[in-house]
Amino acid sequence: MKAAMLYGVKDLRIEDVDKPDIRTGEVLVRVKTATTCGTDLKILQRGYVEKVIKLPTIFGHEWAGEVAEVDPALKWPEKGMRVRAGNSAPCLRCPMCQKGRYNLCENMIWLWGAYAEYIRVPAHMVTVNMQEIPQHVSYEEAAIAEPLACVLHGDEEARVKLGDTVAIIGAGPIGLLHLLTIRKLGVERVIVIDLVDERLDFAKKLGADEAINGGREDAVQKTKQLTDGYGVDVVIEAIGSPVTWEQALKLARKGGTVLEFGGSPPGTEIRVSTEMLHYGELTILGAFHATPLHFRKALNFIASRTIDVRPLITRHMKLDEIKTAFEILSTSKGEIKIAITP
């Protein structure tokens, strides 16, 4: 079969590899659509946590497809069923899982390999984190359940609520998913900060009340001006840079919450004002990945169109064009997500 193999930073190749053979309890899925992700771009440009990705590997982790082969011992799923699966499955036994922190599982099973004609889903993942896709939901919509699940987890951790004023740093796919999600939570006002006008215009179309170009304006000063000098209730950092992590701390009001959602490069650090943290009672949170429950919630939100992710797909390309797709994402000002078809 054809697959996009990742060998290292900026080393992505289209190759012919063996079609996977399923083992006990496993399912083989023909990938119908795999969507690009900001995490994929970061992995390609700067690498990732070795514990999560062991190279070389077939690249990609947001996908949806049709069941091609099933272990005969399984009663579910059935051949021909439209499915998606999370790119992870917690062990359910480790100390973190026993505390209900499934996204922090010490023995997490990770699944990469979306940019290929077929993907083999491990037995434990079939049981814990695979869902059937409703007929009216497209494969590309279903694929976006993975990043939406992570966003749902983050917004729950930040306790975004009715009437809040929220600032989102970053108008890429993750920032826009946060925007779509918190709008459904009944927030009063959303301020989006980015450096690219095209992305900010897109955010306005999706419901942002204010858009600030941080390259032309002092984003902190402008945010304070828009909030009568107080700052916002919740800040969501959706870029993954120490610079914007620190900027996020300056946007929040007293008693506010800062969600450091975007993953910064390994080994980086930020500085925190002790005065702001102590006297301002600032809450600073990290949020990583999602739980199987969030994956199910995400697909339900998409299926009901409570969260309409369709506008985020801005281009369709073939698997053979995967390197070009990531070149476009790294340089384009208007592309959000590209749907890749094997």
Protein backbone atom coordinates (compact mmCIF):
# COMPACT_ATOMS: atom_id res chain seq x y z
CA MET A 1 0.00 0.00 0.00
CA LYS A 2 1.02 3.65 -0.36
CA ALA A 3 1.94 5.58 2.80
CA ALA A 4 3.65 8.79 3.96
CA MET A 5 6.67 7.68 6.01
CA LEU A 6 8.25 10.07 8.51
CA TYR A 7 11.95 9.42 9.09
CA GLY A 8 12.84 12.59 10.95
CA VAL A 9 12.54 16.36 10.99
CA LYS A 10 11.57 17.54 7.49
CA ASP A 11 12.09 14.01 6.15
CA LEU A 12 8.70 12.87 4.86
CA ARG A 13 8.51 10.38 1.98
CA ILE A 14 5.77 8.64 0.01
CA GLU A 15 6.61 4.94 -0.13
CA ASP A 16 5.07 1.58 -0.92
CA VAL A 17 4.86 -0.48 2.28
CA ASP A 18 3.26 -3.77 3.20
CA LYS A 19 -0.46 -3.70 3.89
CA PRO A 20 -0.86 -4.48 7.62
CA ASP A 21 -2.06 -7.94 8.72
CA ILE A 22 -4.54 -7.90 11.57
CA ARG A 23 -3.98 -9.91 14.73
CA THR A 24 -6.28 -11.02 17.53
CA GLY A 25 -8.94 -8.44 18.30
CA GLU A 26 -7.70 -6.01 15.66
CA VAL A 27 -9.42 -4.17 12.81
CA LEU A 28 -8.04 -2.99 9.48
CA VAL A 29 -9.58 0.20 8.15
CA ARG A 30 -9.35 1.64 4.66
CA VAL A 31 -8.59 5.33 5.25
CA LYS A 32 -11.07 7.52 3.40
CA THR A 33 -9.86 10.89 4.70
CA ALA A 34 -7.02 12.09 6.92
CA THR A 35 -6.95 15.74 7.96
CA THR A 36 -3.82 17.77 8.56
CA CYS A 37 -3.11 19.05 12.04
CA GLY A 38 -0.95 21.75 13.58
CA THR A 39 0.66 19.03 15.69
CA ASP A 40 1.66 17.17 12.52
CA LEU A 41 3.25 20.34 11.20
CA LYS A 42 5.17 20.86 14.45
CA ILE A 43 6.31 17.23 14.42
CA LEU A 44 7.57 17.61 10.86
CA GLN A 45 9.33 20.90 11.55
CA ARG A 46 10.86 20.27 14.98
CA GLY A 47 10.26 16.67 16.10
CA TYR A 48 8.17 15.37 18.99
CA VAL A 49 8.25 13.42 22.24
CA GLU A 50 10.10 10.17 21.55
CA LYS A 51 7.86 8.25 23.93
CA VAL A 52 4.86 9.12 21.75
CA ILE A 53 6.36 8.75 18.26
CA LYS A 54 9.06 6.21 17.44
CA LEU A 55 10.65 6.82 14.04
CA PRO A 56 10.43 5.82 11.31
CA THR A 57 6.65 5.67 11.26
CA ILE A 58 3.71 6.23 8.97
CA PHE A 59 2.68 9.83 9.61
CA GLY A 60 -0.68 11.36 10.61
CA HIS A 61 -3.27 10.83 13.33
CA GLU A 62 -6.62 12.43 12.34
CA TRP A 63 -8.55 9.99 10.18
CA ALA A 64 -11.80 8.25 9.34
CA GLY A 65 -12.54 5.32 7.09
CA GLU A 66 -14.32 2.08 6.27
CA VAL A 67 -13.69 -1.26 7.99
CA ALA A 68 -11.90 -3.54 5.52
CA GLU A 69 -11.05 -6.54 7.71
CA VAL A 70 -12.14 -7.68 11.17
CA ASP A 71 -10.90 -10.41 13.46
CA PRO A 72 -13.68 -13.06 13.10
CA ALA A 73 -13.87 -13.31 16.90
CA LEU A 74 -15.10 -9.73 17.18
CA LYS A 75 -18.83 -8.98 17.28
CA TRP A 76 -18.18 -5.29 16.60
CA PRO A 77 -17.38 -3.51 14.34
CA GLU A 78 -18.60 -5.10 11.11
CA LYS A 79 -16.91 -5.09 7.74
CA GLY A 80 -17.99 -2.07 5.69
CA MET A 81 -18.86 0.02 8.77
CA ARG A 82 -17.84 3.69 8.71
CA VAL A 83 -15.57 4.31 11.71
CA ARG A 84 -13.04 6.59 13.30
CA ALA A 85 -10.72 5.94 16.21
CA GLY A 86 -8.78 8.11 18.58
CA ASN A 87 -5.02 8.15 18.18
CA SER A 88 -4.72 6.89 21.76
CA ALA A 89 -6.18 4.44 24.23
CA PRO A 90 -5.48 4.54 27.99
CA CYS A 91 -4.59 1.29 29.75
CA LEU A 92 -7.33 1.79 32.42
CA ARG A 93 -5.05 0.25 35.09
CA CYS A 94 -2.19 2.65 35.89
CA PRO A 95 -2.29 5.15 38.79
CA MET A 96 -3.39 7.99 36.50
CA CYS A 97 -6.22 5.93 35.00
CA GLN A 98 -7.32 4.86 38.47
CA LYS A 99 -7.68 8.54 39.30
CA GLY A 100 -9.77 9.10 36.17
CA ARG A 101 -6.96 11.06 34.44
CA TYR A 102 -7.09 8.88 31.33
CA ASN A 103 -5.40 11.47 29.13
CA LEU A 104 -2.31 11.19 31.38
CA CYS A 105 -2.16 7.38 31.26
CA GLU A 106 1.31 6.05 32.04
CA ASN A 107 0.93 3.22 29.51
CA MET A 108 -0.93 4.97 26.71
CA ILE A 109 -1.24 3.16 23.41
CA TRP A 110 -0.61 5.61 20.55
CA LEU A 111 -1.78 5.14 16.98
CA TRP A 112 -0.08 6.90 14.07
CA GLY A 113 -0.46 6.06 10.40
CA ALA A 114 -3.33 8.13 9.06
CA TYR A 115 -1.57 9.19 5.86
CA ALA A 116 -1.86 5.79 4.23
CA GLU A 117 -4.31 3.63 2.34
CA TYR A 118 -4.96 1.40 5.36
CA ILE A 119 -4.53 1.67 9.11
CA ARG A 120 -4.48 -1.19 11.63
CA VAL A 121 -6.34 -0.44 14.85
CA PRO A 122 -4.99 -2.28 17.94
CA ALA A 123 -7.40 -4.51 19.87
CA HIS A 124 -7.44 -2.37 23.01
CA MET A 125 -8.15 0.76 20.97
CA VAL A 126 -11.05 -0.96 19.19
CA THR A 127 -12.57 -1.60 22.61
CA VAL A 128 -11.77 1.72 24.28
CA ASN A 129 -11.69 4.42 21.63
CA MET A 130 -13.36 3.58 18.30
CA GLN A 131 -16.72 4.99 17.19
CA GLU A 132 -19.12 4.36 14.33
CA ILE A 133 -19.69 7.39 12.11
CA PRO A 134 -23.32 8.35 11.45
CA GLN A 135 -24.26 8.16 7.76
CA HIS A 136 -24.90 11.88 7.41
CA VAL A 137 -21.44 12.81 8.71
CA SER A 138 -18.65 13.04 6.12
CA TYR A 139 -15.34 11.29 6.66
CA GLU A 140 -13.50 14.61 6.83
CA GLU A 141 -15.85 15.90 9.54
CA ALA A 142 -15.39 12.70 11.54
CA ALA A 143 -11.61 12.99 11.30
CA ILE A 144 -11.75 16.35 13.08
CA ALA A 145 -13.22 14.64 16.15
CA GLU A 146 -9.63 14.09 17.33
CA PRO A 147 -8.58 17.75 17.72
CA LEU A 148 -12.08 18.71 18.87
CA ALA A 149 -11.83 16.12 21.65
CA CYS A 150 -8.63 17.79 22.87
CA VAL A 151 -10.31 21.20 22.74
CA LEU A 152 -13.30 19.94 24.73
CA HIS A 153 -10.95 18.60 27.40
CA GLY A 154 -9.08 21.90 27.60
CA ASP A 155 -12.21 24.03 27.83
CA GLU A 156 -13.59 21.79 30.57
CA GLU A 157 -10.35 22.13 32.53
CA ALA A 158 -10.50 25.92 32.16
CA ARG A 159 -14.15 25.89 33.25
CA VAL A 160 -15.22 28.29 30.53
CA LYS A 161 -18.77 29.28 31.35
CA LEU A 162 -21.80 31.34 30.42
CA GLY A 163 -21.08 35.07 30.36
CA ASP A 164 -17.28 34.85 30.29
CA THR A 165 -15.07 37.09 28.21
CA VAL A 166 -12.39 34.96 26.56
CA ALA A 167 -9.21 35.76 24.66
CA ILE A 168 -7.78 33.18 22.25
CA ILE A 169 -4.18 33.55 21.12
CA GLY A 170 -3.90 31.90 17.72
CA ALA A 171 -6.42 31.67 14.88
CA GLY A 172 -5.19 28.40 13.44
CA PRO A 173 -7.33 25.23 13.44
CA ILE A 174 -7.06 24.69 17.21
CA GLY A 175 -7.79 28.31 18.07
CA LEU A 176 -10.80 28.25 15.75
CA LEU A 177 -12.07 25.00 17.29
CA HIS A 178 -11.84 26.67 20.70
CA LEU A 179 -13.79 29.61 19.26
CA LEU A 180 -16.55 27.37 17.90
CA THR A 181 -16.75 25.42 21.15
CA ILE A 182 -16.85 28.27 23.65
CA ARG A 183 -19.47 30.05 21.55
CA LYS A 184 -21.75 27.09 22.26
CA LEU A 185 -21.00 27.47 25.98
CA GLY A 186 -22.59 30.92 25.95
CA VAL A 187 -19.57 33.13 26.47
CA GLU A 188 -20.36 36.83 26.24
CA ARG A 189 -17.36 37.98 24.25
CA VAL A 190 -14.44 36.42 22.34
CA ILE A 191 -11.25 38.27 21.42
CA VAL A 192 -8.94 36.49 18.96
CA ILE A 193 -5.27 37.44 18.57
CA ASP A 194 -3.07 36.44 15.64
CA LEU A 195 -0.46 37.87 13.29
CA VAL A 196 -2.24 37.05 10.03
CA ASP A 197 -5.15 39.15 8.81
CA GLU A 198 -6.62 36.31 6.71
CA ARG A 199 -6.89 34.10 9.79
CA LEU A 200 -8.37 36.90 11.85
CA ASP A 201 -10.97 37.56 9.14
CA PHE A 202 -11.83 33.86 9.22
CA ALA A 203 -12.20 34.01 13.01
CA LYS A 204 -14.60 36.93 12.68
CA LYS A 205 -16.72 34.91 10.25
CA LEU A 206 -16.87 32.08 12.77
CA GLY A 207 -18.04 34.31 15.61
CA ALA A 208 -15.15 36.27 17.12
CA ASP A 209 -16.28 39.65 18.46
CA GLU A 210 -12.87 41.29 18.25
CA ALA A 211 -9.78 40.46 16.19
CA ILE A 212 -6.37 41.86 17.12
CA ASN A 213 -3.30 41.67 14.87
CA GLY A 214 -0.50 41.32 17.40
CA GLY A 215 2.05 42.34 14.81
CA ARG A 216 0.55 45.80 14.43
CA GLU A 217 -0.92 46.43 17.87
CA ASP A 218 0.07 45.75 21.44
CA ALA A 219 -2.28 42.83 22.06
CA VAL A 220 -2.14 43.15 25.84
CA GLN A 221 -2.85 46.87 25.81
CA LYS A 222 -5.65 46.48 23.26
CA THR A 223 -7.27 43.65 25.23
CA LYS A 224 -7.18 45.71 28.41
CA GLN A 225 -8.70 48.62 26.50
CA LEU A 226 -11.52 46.41 25.24
CA THR A 227 -12.24 45.18 28.78
CA ASP A 228 -12.18 48.53 30.62
CA GLY A 229 -8.69 47.85 31.90
CA TYR A 230 -9.51 44.56 33.65
CA GLY A 231 -8.45 41.84 31.25
CA VAL A 232 -10.44 38.73 30.34
CA ASP A 233 -11.92 35.93 32.42
CA VAL A 234 -10.21 33.16 30.48
CA VAL A 235 -7.20 33.17 28.15
CA ILE A 236 -6.59 30.24 25.79
CA GLU A 237 -3.11 30.02 24.29
CA ALA A 238 -3.41 27.98 21.07
CA ILE A 239 -0.03 28.46 19.42
CA GLY A 240 2.59 26.68 21.50
CA SER A 241 5.37 29.25 21.97
CA PRO A 242 6.98 30.41 25.24
CA VAL A 243 6.49 34.00 24.04
CA THR A 244 2.72 33.63 23.70
CA TRP A 245 2.54 31.52 26.87
CA GLU A 246 3.95 34.52 28.75
CA GLN A 247 1.73 36.94 26.83
CA ALA A 248 -1.31 34.93 27.89
CA LEU A 249 -0.55 35.61 31.55
CA LYS A 250 -0.78 39.36 30.95
CA LEU A 251 -4.22 39.21 29.32
CA ALA A 252 -6.14 37.78 32.28
CA ARG A 253 -7.99 39.75 34.94
CA LYS A 254 -7.58 39.21 38.68
CA GLY A 255 -9.00 35.80 39.55
CA GLY A 256 -8.82 34.84 35.88
CA THR A 257 -7.74 31.57 34.28
CA VAL A 258 -4.99 31.00 31.72
CA LEU A 259 -5.13 27.79 29.71
CA GLU A 260 -1.74 27.05 28.19
CA PHE A 261 -3.10 24.75 25.50
CA GLY A 262 -0.53 24.88 22.70
CA GLY A 263 2.43 22.57 23.24
CA SER A 264 5.74 24.47 23.36
CA PRO A 265 9.05 22.93 22.22
CA PRO A 266 10.60 20.46 24.70
CA GLY A 267 13.00 22.05 27.17
CA THR A 268 11.54 25.55 27.00
CA GLU A 269 10.57 27.59 30.05
CA ILE A 270 8.52 30.70 30.86
CA ARG A 271 8.69 33.37 33.55
CA VAL A 272 5.72 34.01 35.82
CA SER A 273 5.17 37.14 37.91
CA THR A 274 4.83 35.98 41.51
CA GLU A 275 2.90 39.16 42.29
CA MET A 276 0.37 38.45 39.56
CA LEU A 277 0.04 34.82 40.60
CA HIS A 278 -0.26 35.49 44.33
CA TYR A 279 -2.05 38.83 44.69
CA GLY A 280 -4.07 38.41 41.50
CA GLU A 281 -5.04 34.81 42.33
CA LEU A 282 -4.36 33.78 38.76
CA THR A 283 -5.04 30.17 37.80
CA ILE A 284 -2.59 28.72 35.27
CA LEU A 285 -3.47 25.41 33.63
CA GLY A 286 -1.96 23.04 31.12
CA ALA A 287 -4.16 20.69 29.10
CA PHE A 288 -2.89 17.70 27.19
CA HIS A 289 -4.76 15.44 24.78
CA ALA A 290 -8.18 13.97 25.68
CA THR A 291 -10.01 10.98 27.14
CA PRO A 292 -12.16 8.41 25.29
CA LEU A 293 -15.23 10.22 26.65
CA HIS A 294 -14.11 13.44 24.97
CA PHE A 295 -13.71 11.60 21.66
CA ARG A 296 -17.29 10.36 21.90
CA LYS A 297 -18.53 13.82 22.88
CA ALA A 298 -16.64 15.38 19.96
CA LEU A 299 -18.22 13.05 17.41
CA ASN A 300 -21.65 13.70 18.92
CA PHE A 301 -21.14 17.47 18.71
CA ILE A 302 -20.09 17.13 15.08
CA ALA A 303 -22.93 14.75 14.17
CA SER A 304 -25.55 17.06 15.68
CA ARG A 305 -23.85 20.06 14.01
CA THR A 306 -23.84 21.72 17.42
CA ILE A 307 -20.25 22.42 16.43
CA ASP A 308 -20.01 22.76 12.67
CA VAL A 309 -16.45 21.90 11.67
CA ARG A 310 -17.07 21.91 7.91
CA PRO A 311 -15.75 25.47 7.33
CA LEU A 312 -12.35 24.43 8.71
CA ILE A 313 -11.62 22.22 5.68
CA THR A 314 -10.19 24.71 3.23
CA ARG A 315 -8.55 22.38 0.68
CA HIS A 316 -8.61 18.78 -0.59
CA MET A 317 -5.47 17.00 -1.80
CA LYS A 318 -4.25 13.49 -2.65
CA LEU A 319 -1.83 11.44 -0.55
CA ASP A 320 0.83 11.82 -3.26
CA GLU A 321 0.72 15.56 -2.58
CA ILE A 322 1.25 15.32 1.19
CA LYS A 323 4.63 17.11 1.17
CA THR A 324 3.14 19.93 -0.86
CA ALA A 325 0.20 20.07 1.56
CA PHE A 326 2.51 20.74 4.51
CA GLU A 327 4.51 23.27 2.52
CA ILE A 328 1.23 25.08 1.87
CA LEU A 329 0.29 24.97 5.56
CA SER A 330 3.67 26.33 6.62
CA THR A 331 3.55 29.28 4.23
CA SER A 332 -0.12 29.97 3.45
CA LYS A 333 -2.01 32.67 5.28
CA GLY A 334 -5.48 31.35 4.53
CA GLU A 335 -5.41 27.55 4.76
CA ILE A 336 -6.78 25.96 7.94
CA LYS A 337 -7.08 22.21 7.42
CA ILE A 338 -6.35 20.14 4.33
CA ALA A 339 -8.25 16.88 3.80
CA ILE A 340 -5.94 14.20 2.43
CA THR A 341 -7.46 11.37 0.37
CA PRO A 342 -5.39 8.21 -0.26
